[in-house]
N, C-alpha and C. Protein backbone atom coordinates (compact mmCIF):
# COMPACT_ATOMS: atom_id res chain seq x y z
N MET A 1 3.61 -14.23 14.91
CA MET A 1 2.17 -14.05 14.79
C MET A 1 1.88 -13.18 13.57
N LYS A 2 0.91 -13.61 12.76
CA LYS A 2 0.53 -12.87 11.56
C LYS A 2 -0.21 -11.59 11.94
N LYS A 3 0.03 -10.54 11.15
CA LYS A 3 -0.72 -9.31 11.37
C LYS A 3 -2.17 -9.53 10.92
N LYS A 4 -3.08 -9.08 11.76
CA LYS A 4 -4.51 -9.23 11.50
C LYS A 4 -5.02 -7.97 10.81
N ILE A 5 -5.66 -8.16 9.64
CA ILE A 5 -6.17 -7.05 8.86
C ILE A 5 -7.68 -7.22 8.70
N LEU A 6 -8.43 -6.18 9.03
CA LEU A 6 -9.88 -6.19 8.88
C LEU A 6 -10.25 -5.55 7.55
N VAL A 7 -11.00 -6.28 6.73
CA VAL A 7 -11.50 -5.77 5.46
C VAL A 7 -12.99 -5.50 5.62
N VAL A 8 -13.39 -4.24 5.48
CA VAL A 8 -14.79 -3.85 5.58
C VAL A 8 -15.25 -3.49 4.17
N GLU A 9 -16.07 -4.36 3.60
CA GLU A 9 -16.51 -4.21 2.21
C GLU A 9 -17.83 -4.94 2.03
N ASP A 10 -18.84 -4.25 1.51
CA ASP A 10 -20.15 -4.89 1.33
C ASP A 10 -20.26 -5.67 0.03
N ASN A 11 -19.39 -5.42 -0.93
CA ASN A 11 -19.42 -6.16 -2.19
C ASN A 11 -18.70 -7.50 -1.99
N ASP A 12 -19.46 -8.58 -2.12
CA ASP A 12 -18.91 -9.92 -1.86
C ASP A 12 -17.69 -10.24 -2.72
N ASP A 13 -17.74 -9.90 -4.01
CA ASP A 13 -16.63 -10.21 -4.91
C ASP A 13 -15.37 -9.44 -4.55
N LEU A 14 -15.51 -8.14 -4.32
CA LEU A 14 -14.34 -7.32 -3.94
C LEU A 14 -13.76 -7.77 -2.60
N ARG A 15 -14.65 -8.07 -1.65
CA ARG A 15 -14.19 -8.54 -0.34
C ARG A 15 -13.41 -9.85 -0.49
N ALA A 16 -13.91 -10.76 -1.31
CA ALA A 16 -13.24 -12.04 -1.52
C ALA A 16 -11.86 -11.84 -2.16
N ILE A 17 -11.77 -10.92 -3.13
CA ILE A 17 -10.48 -10.63 -3.77
C ILE A 17 -9.48 -10.09 -2.75
N LEU A 18 -9.93 -9.14 -1.94
CA LEU A 18 -9.04 -8.55 -0.92
C LEU A 18 -8.60 -9.59 0.11
N ILE A 19 -9.54 -10.40 0.57
CA ILE A 19 -9.21 -11.44 1.56
C ILE A 19 -8.19 -12.41 0.97
N LEU A 20 -8.41 -12.83 -0.27
CA LEU A 20 -7.49 -13.75 -0.94
C LEU A 20 -6.10 -13.14 -1.07
N ARG A 21 -6.04 -11.89 -1.51
CA ARG A 21 -4.74 -11.21 -1.66
C ARG A 21 -4.01 -11.11 -0.32
N LEU A 22 -4.72 -10.69 0.71
CA LEU A 22 -4.09 -10.53 2.02
C LEU A 22 -3.62 -11.87 2.58
N THR A 23 -4.44 -12.89 2.44
CA THR A 23 -4.08 -14.23 2.92
C THR A 23 -2.85 -14.74 2.17
N HIS A 24 -2.83 -14.53 0.86
CA HIS A 24 -1.70 -14.94 0.03
C HIS A 24 -0.41 -14.26 0.46
N MET A 25 -0.52 -13.03 0.96
CA MET A 25 0.65 -12.26 1.39
C MET A 25 1.07 -12.61 2.81
N GLY A 26 0.33 -13.50 3.46
CA GLY A 26 0.73 -13.95 4.79
C GLY A 26 0.05 -13.24 5.95
N TYR A 27 -0.98 -12.45 5.67
CA TYR A 27 -1.71 -11.77 6.74
C TYR A 27 -2.91 -12.61 7.16
N GLN A 28 -3.37 -12.38 8.36
CA GLN A 28 -4.61 -13.00 8.83
C GLN A 28 -5.74 -12.02 8.50
N ALA A 29 -6.53 -12.36 7.50
CA ALA A 29 -7.59 -11.47 7.03
C ALA A 29 -8.91 -11.80 7.71
N ILE A 30 -9.56 -10.78 8.23
CA ILE A 30 -10.90 -10.92 8.80
C ILE A 30 -11.81 -9.96 8.05
N GLU A 31 -13.11 -10.20 8.09
CA GLU A 31 -14.00 -9.42 7.24
C GLU A 31 -15.27 -9.00 7.92
N ALA A 32 -15.81 -7.89 7.41
CA ALA A 32 -17.10 -7.37 7.85
C ALA A 32 -17.79 -6.78 6.62
N LYS A 33 -19.14 -6.89 6.60
CA LYS A 33 -19.91 -6.42 5.44
C LYS A 33 -20.65 -5.12 5.68
N SER A 34 -20.65 -4.64 6.91
CA SER A 34 -21.43 -3.45 7.24
C SER A 34 -20.71 -2.64 8.31
N SER A 35 -21.21 -1.44 8.55
CA SER A 35 -20.66 -0.59 9.59
C SER A 35 -20.81 -1.26 10.96
N LYS A 36 -21.98 -1.78 11.23
CA LYS A 36 -22.24 -2.42 12.52
C LYS A 36 -21.27 -3.59 12.76
N GLU A 37 -21.10 -4.43 11.74
CA GLU A 37 -20.16 -5.54 11.86
C GLU A 37 -18.73 -5.04 12.03
N ALA A 38 -18.37 -3.99 11.30
CA ALA A 38 -17.01 -3.45 11.36
C ALA A 38 -16.66 -2.98 12.76
N ILE A 39 -17.58 -2.26 13.38
CA ILE A 39 -17.33 -1.74 14.73
C ILE A 39 -17.18 -2.88 15.73
N ALA A 40 -18.10 -3.84 15.68
CA ALA A 40 -18.03 -4.99 16.60
C ALA A 40 -16.76 -5.80 16.36
N CYS A 41 -16.44 -6.02 15.11
CA CYS A 41 -15.26 -6.82 14.76
C CYS A 41 -13.97 -6.11 15.19
N ALA A 42 -13.89 -4.82 14.95
CA ALA A 42 -12.69 -4.06 15.33
C ALA A 42 -12.49 -4.09 16.84
N GLU A 43 -13.57 -3.93 17.59
CA GLU A 43 -13.47 -3.98 19.06
C GLU A 43 -13.00 -5.35 19.52
N PHE A 44 -13.56 -6.40 18.95
CA PHE A 44 -13.29 -7.76 19.39
C PHE A 44 -11.95 -8.29 18.89
N GLU A 45 -11.65 -8.06 17.61
CA GLU A 45 -10.47 -8.65 16.98
C GLU A 45 -9.20 -7.83 17.15
N GLN A 46 -9.33 -6.51 17.33
CA GLN A 46 -8.18 -5.62 17.45
C GLN A 46 -7.18 -5.81 16.30
N PRO A 47 -7.63 -5.56 15.07
CA PRO A 47 -6.71 -5.74 13.93
C PRO A 47 -5.59 -4.72 13.93
N ALA A 48 -4.53 -5.05 13.20
CA ALA A 48 -3.40 -4.13 13.06
C ALA A 48 -3.76 -2.98 12.14
N LEU A 49 -4.73 -3.20 11.23
CA LEU A 49 -5.13 -2.18 10.27
C LEU A 49 -6.52 -2.52 9.75
N ILE A 50 -7.27 -1.49 9.34
CA ILE A 50 -8.60 -1.68 8.76
C ILE A 50 -8.60 -1.09 7.35
N PHE A 51 -9.03 -1.89 6.37
CA PHE A 51 -9.34 -1.38 5.04
C PHE A 51 -10.84 -1.14 5.02
N MET A 52 -11.25 0.12 4.85
CA MET A 52 -12.65 0.53 4.99
C MET A 52 -13.26 0.99 3.67
N ASP A 53 -14.30 0.28 3.23
CA ASP A 53 -15.09 0.73 2.08
C ASP A 53 -15.83 1.99 2.52
N LEU A 54 -15.95 2.96 1.64
CA LEU A 54 -16.65 4.19 2.01
C LEU A 54 -18.15 4.13 1.73
N GLY A 55 -18.58 3.17 0.91
CA GLY A 55 -19.99 3.06 0.56
C GLY A 55 -20.68 1.86 1.18
N LEU A 56 -20.78 1.84 2.49
CA LEU A 56 -21.43 0.73 3.19
C LEU A 56 -22.94 0.93 3.23
N PRO A 57 -23.70 -0.17 3.34
CA PRO A 57 -25.16 -0.05 3.26
C PRO A 57 -25.83 0.61 4.47
N ASP A 58 -25.28 0.43 5.65
CA ASP A 58 -25.97 0.93 6.85
C ASP A 58 -25.45 2.27 7.36
N CYS A 59 -24.21 2.61 7.07
CA CYS A 59 -23.59 3.86 7.50
C CYS A 59 -22.32 4.01 6.68
N ASP A 60 -22.09 5.18 6.11
CA ASP A 60 -20.93 5.28 5.22
C ASP A 60 -19.61 5.07 5.98
N GLY A 61 -18.58 4.73 5.22
CA GLY A 61 -17.29 4.40 5.80
C GLY A 61 -16.61 5.55 6.52
N ILE A 62 -16.89 6.78 6.11
CA ILE A 62 -16.30 7.93 6.79
C ILE A 62 -16.90 8.06 8.20
N LYS A 63 -18.22 7.94 8.32
CA LYS A 63 -18.86 8.00 9.64
C LYS A 63 -18.42 6.82 10.50
N THR A 64 -18.34 5.65 9.89
CA THR A 64 -17.90 4.46 10.63
C THR A 64 -16.49 4.65 11.16
N SER A 65 -15.61 5.22 10.35
CA SER A 65 -14.23 5.48 10.78
C SER A 65 -14.20 6.48 11.93
N ALA A 66 -15.03 7.52 11.86
CA ALA A 66 -15.09 8.50 12.95
C ALA A 66 -15.54 7.83 14.25
N ILE A 67 -16.51 6.94 14.16
CA ILE A 67 -16.98 6.21 15.35
C ILE A 67 -15.85 5.37 15.93
N LEU A 68 -15.11 4.68 15.06
CA LEU A 68 -13.99 3.84 15.52
C LEU A 68 -12.90 4.69 16.16
N LYS A 69 -12.62 5.86 15.61
CA LYS A 69 -11.57 6.73 16.15
C LYS A 69 -11.98 7.38 17.48
N GLN A 70 -13.27 7.46 17.77
CA GLN A 70 -13.75 8.02 19.04
C GLN A 70 -13.87 6.97 20.13
N ASN A 71 -13.72 5.72 19.77
CA ASN A 71 -13.86 4.60 20.70
C ASN A 71 -12.48 4.26 21.28
N ARG A 72 -12.34 4.28 22.58
CA ARG A 72 -11.02 4.03 23.19
C ARG A 72 -10.48 2.64 22.84
N LYS A 73 -11.34 1.68 22.54
CA LYS A 73 -10.90 0.32 22.20
C LYS A 73 -10.36 0.23 20.78
N THR A 74 -10.72 1.17 19.92
CA THR A 74 -10.34 1.06 18.51
C THR A 74 -9.64 2.31 17.97
N SER A 75 -9.49 3.32 18.78
CA SER A 75 -8.94 4.60 18.29
C SER A 75 -7.51 4.49 17.75
N GLN A 76 -6.74 3.52 18.22
CA GLN A 76 -5.35 3.39 17.81
C GLN A 76 -5.18 2.60 16.51
N ILE A 77 -6.25 2.02 15.97
CA ILE A 77 -6.15 1.19 14.77
C ILE A 77 -6.12 2.08 13.52
N PRO A 78 -5.08 1.97 12.70
CA PRO A 78 -5.04 2.76 11.46
C PRO A 78 -6.15 2.32 10.50
N ILE A 79 -6.75 3.29 9.82
CA ILE A 79 -7.82 3.01 8.86
C ILE A 79 -7.41 3.56 7.51
N VAL A 80 -7.54 2.70 6.50
CA VAL A 80 -7.25 3.08 5.11
C VAL A 80 -8.54 2.92 4.33
N ALA A 81 -8.98 4.00 3.69
CA ALA A 81 -10.21 3.95 2.91
C ALA A 81 -9.97 3.23 1.59
N LEU A 82 -10.97 2.43 1.21
CA LEU A 82 -10.98 1.79 -0.11
C LEU A 82 -12.15 2.39 -0.88
N THR A 83 -11.88 2.90 -2.06
CA THR A 83 -12.94 3.56 -2.80
C THR A 83 -12.72 3.43 -4.30
N ALA A 84 -13.81 3.52 -5.03
CA ALA A 84 -13.71 3.51 -6.49
C ALA A 84 -13.34 4.90 -7.01
N TRP A 85 -13.66 5.93 -6.24
CA TRP A 85 -13.33 7.31 -6.61
C TRP A 85 -13.19 8.15 -5.35
N MET A 86 -12.41 9.21 -5.46
CA MET A 86 -12.17 10.07 -4.31
C MET A 86 -12.11 11.52 -4.76
N SER A 87 -13.03 12.33 -4.26
CA SER A 87 -13.01 13.75 -4.57
C SER A 87 -12.23 14.50 -3.50
N GLU A 88 -11.90 15.74 -3.77
CA GLU A 88 -11.18 16.55 -2.79
C GLU A 88 -11.98 16.70 -1.49
N LEU A 89 -13.30 16.88 -1.62
CA LEU A 89 -14.16 17.00 -0.45
C LEU A 89 -14.16 15.71 0.37
N ARG A 90 -14.23 14.57 -0.32
CA ARG A 90 -14.20 13.28 0.39
C ARG A 90 -12.86 13.07 1.09
N VAL A 91 -11.77 13.46 0.46
CA VAL A 91 -10.44 13.34 1.07
C VAL A 91 -10.40 14.14 2.36
N GLU A 92 -10.93 15.36 2.33
CA GLU A 92 -10.96 16.22 3.51
C GLU A 92 -11.82 15.61 4.61
N LYS A 93 -13.01 15.13 4.27
CA LYS A 93 -13.90 14.50 5.26
C LYS A 93 -13.26 13.24 5.84
N ALA A 94 -12.64 12.45 4.98
CA ALA A 94 -11.99 11.22 5.43
C ALA A 94 -10.85 11.53 6.40
N SER A 95 -10.07 12.53 6.09
CA SER A 95 -8.96 12.93 6.95
C SER A 95 -9.47 13.39 8.32
N ARG A 96 -10.53 14.20 8.33
CA ARG A 96 -11.11 14.65 9.61
C ARG A 96 -11.66 13.50 10.43
N ALA A 97 -12.10 12.44 9.77
CA ALA A 97 -12.65 11.27 10.46
C ALA A 97 -11.56 10.36 11.01
N GLY A 98 -10.30 10.64 10.66
CA GLY A 98 -9.20 9.83 11.18
C GLY A 98 -8.67 8.79 10.20
N ILE A 99 -9.13 8.84 8.96
CA ILE A 99 -8.63 7.91 7.95
C ILE A 99 -7.25 8.37 7.52
N GLU A 100 -6.28 7.45 7.56
CA GLU A 100 -4.88 7.78 7.28
C GLU A 100 -4.65 8.12 5.81
N THR A 101 -5.20 7.30 4.91
CA THR A 101 -5.01 7.49 3.48
C THR A 101 -6.11 6.72 2.76
N TYR A 102 -6.07 6.73 1.44
CA TYR A 102 -7.05 5.96 0.69
C TYR A 102 -6.39 5.26 -0.48
N LEU A 103 -7.00 4.14 -0.88
CA LEU A 103 -6.55 3.38 -2.05
C LEU A 103 -7.73 3.19 -2.98
N VAL A 104 -7.44 3.13 -4.27
CA VAL A 104 -8.48 2.82 -5.25
C VAL A 104 -8.66 1.30 -5.26
N LYS A 105 -9.92 0.86 -5.19
CA LYS A 105 -10.23 -0.58 -5.15
C LYS A 105 -9.81 -1.28 -6.42
N PRO A 106 -9.41 -2.54 -6.35
CA PRO A 106 -9.18 -3.30 -5.14
C PRO A 106 -7.76 -3.14 -4.60
N GLY A 107 -6.92 -2.44 -5.31
CA GLY A 107 -5.54 -2.24 -4.84
C GLY A 107 -4.67 -3.41 -5.26
N SER A 108 -3.52 -3.12 -5.83
CA SER A 108 -2.60 -4.19 -6.24
C SER A 108 -2.00 -4.83 -4.98
N PRO A 109 -1.56 -6.08 -5.09
CA PRO A 109 -0.92 -6.71 -3.93
C PRO A 109 0.26 -5.89 -3.40
N GLN A 110 1.03 -5.29 -4.30
CA GLN A 110 2.19 -4.50 -3.87
C GLN A 110 1.75 -3.26 -3.09
N THR A 111 0.70 -2.60 -3.57
CA THR A 111 0.19 -1.41 -2.90
C THR A 111 -0.40 -1.77 -1.55
N LEU A 112 -1.14 -2.87 -1.48
CA LEU A 112 -1.72 -3.31 -0.21
C LEU A 112 -0.61 -3.59 0.80
N LYS A 113 0.39 -4.35 0.40
CA LYS A 113 1.50 -4.71 1.31
C LYS A 113 2.25 -3.47 1.79
N LYS A 114 2.56 -2.59 0.86
CA LYS A 114 3.29 -1.35 1.20
C LYS A 114 2.48 -0.51 2.20
N THR A 115 1.19 -0.42 1.98
CA THR A 115 0.31 0.35 2.87
C THR A 115 0.23 -0.29 4.25
N ILE A 116 0.07 -1.59 4.29
CA ILE A 116 0.00 -2.30 5.57
C ILE A 116 1.29 -2.08 6.36
N GLU A 117 2.41 -2.29 5.72
CA GLU A 117 3.70 -2.13 6.41
C GLU A 117 3.91 -0.70 6.89
N LYS A 118 3.52 0.26 6.08
CA LYS A 118 3.69 1.67 6.46
C LYS A 118 2.92 2.01 7.73
N PHE A 119 1.68 1.54 7.82
CA PHE A 119 0.83 1.94 8.94
C PHE A 119 0.85 0.98 10.13
N THR A 120 1.54 -0.14 10.00
CA THR A 120 1.57 -1.08 11.13
C THR A 120 2.97 -1.34 11.66
N ALA A 121 3.97 -0.72 11.09
CA ALA A 121 5.36 -0.99 11.47
C ALA A 121 5.64 -0.76 12.95
N ASN A 122 5.02 0.24 13.55
CA ASN A 122 5.32 0.58 14.94
C ASN A 122 4.21 0.19 15.91
N ARG A 123 3.27 -0.64 15.47
CA ARG A 123 2.15 -1.04 16.34
C ARG A 123 2.56 -2.18 17.25
N LEU A 124 2.01 -2.18 18.43
CA LEU A 124 2.20 -3.30 19.35
C LEU A 124 1.42 -4.50 18.84
N PRO A 125 1.81 -5.71 19.23
CA PRO A 125 1.04 -6.89 18.82
C PRO A 125 -0.40 -6.79 19.30
N GLU A 126 -1.32 -7.42 18.56
CA GLU A 126 -2.74 -7.34 18.86
C GLU A 126 -3.08 -7.79 20.28
N GLU A 127 -2.35 -8.76 20.81
CA GLU A 127 -2.70 -9.28 22.13
C GLU A 127 -2.49 -8.25 23.24
N CYS A 128 -1.82 -7.15 22.94
CA CYS A 128 -1.63 -6.10 23.93
C CYS A 128 -2.87 -5.23 24.11
N PHE A 129 -3.84 -5.37 23.20
CA PHE A 129 -5.02 -4.55 23.24
C PHE A 129 -6.22 -5.31 23.76
N PHE A 130 -7.20 -4.59 24.25
CA PHE A 130 -8.42 -5.15 24.77
C PHE A 130 -9.13 -6.01 23.74
N GLY A 131 -9.57 -7.19 24.14
CA GLY A 131 -10.45 -8.02 23.33
C GLY A 131 -9.78 -8.75 22.19
N ALA A 132 -8.48 -8.93 22.19
CA ALA A 132 -7.83 -9.61 21.09
C ALA A 132 -8.31 -11.05 20.98
N ASN A 133 -8.38 -11.54 19.75
CA ASN A 133 -8.88 -12.87 19.48
C ASN A 133 -8.00 -13.50 18.41
N ASP A 134 -7.57 -14.72 18.61
CA ASP A 134 -6.72 -15.39 17.64
C ASP A 134 -7.50 -16.19 16.61
N GLU A 135 -8.79 -16.21 16.69
CA GLU A 135 -9.61 -17.04 15.80
C GLU A 135 -9.51 -16.61 14.34
N GLY A 136 -9.70 -15.32 14.06
CA GLY A 136 -9.66 -14.83 12.69
C GLY A 136 -10.92 -15.22 11.92
N GLY A 137 -10.89 -15.02 10.60
CA GLY A 137 -12.03 -15.36 9.77
C GLY A 137 -13.06 -14.27 9.75
N GLN A 138 -14.31 -14.67 9.61
CA GLN A 138 -15.40 -13.69 9.51
C GLN A 138 -15.86 -13.31 10.91
N CYS A 139 -16.04 -12.04 11.13
CA CYS A 139 -16.47 -11.53 12.43
C CYS A 139 -17.92 -11.14 12.35
N MET A 140 -18.78 -11.88 12.99
CA MET A 140 -20.23 -11.61 12.95
C MET A 140 -20.73 -11.46 14.37
N HIS A 141 -20.69 -10.24 14.91
CA HIS A 141 -21.13 -10.01 16.28
C HIS A 141 -22.40 -9.22 16.30
C-alpha cells in the first residue's frame, strides 16, 4: 500500500508541483487548499504525513497544525511546514504547534522523499486509524 501524503497549499501551481513530485515518487498524494479542508481531509484520509503551507487564506498553517495536534483523530500525524521563508520566531511557534520541521517551497524530490521516510518510517498503516479511506485524490469535505 502506498503511503498517503496530504499536501495543504493554497497556491494552485505549487500544489500541482508537489502533487506531481509525490505521485512520481510512488506516494498517494491528496490535497487541500485551506485550513478547513486540511482538517476535514486529515480526519477522513488519515495520511502518513502532512505538508502544511503556513500562509493559508482562512487560518494560518501554524494554527491549523495546532488544531490537528489537539484532535485525537489526527494528533499522531507528522506535520512538516512548507514555507517561502522562516524566521526564528516562526520556527519557535511552529515547534510549539507540533510541527516536526520545515522545508523551503517547493522542496527538491530528494528532500521531500528523505523527509517523508524520516517521519513515517515507524507509523502504522493508515487503515489502523479512524476514518481511513483508500480513494485518494482531492479531499473536499
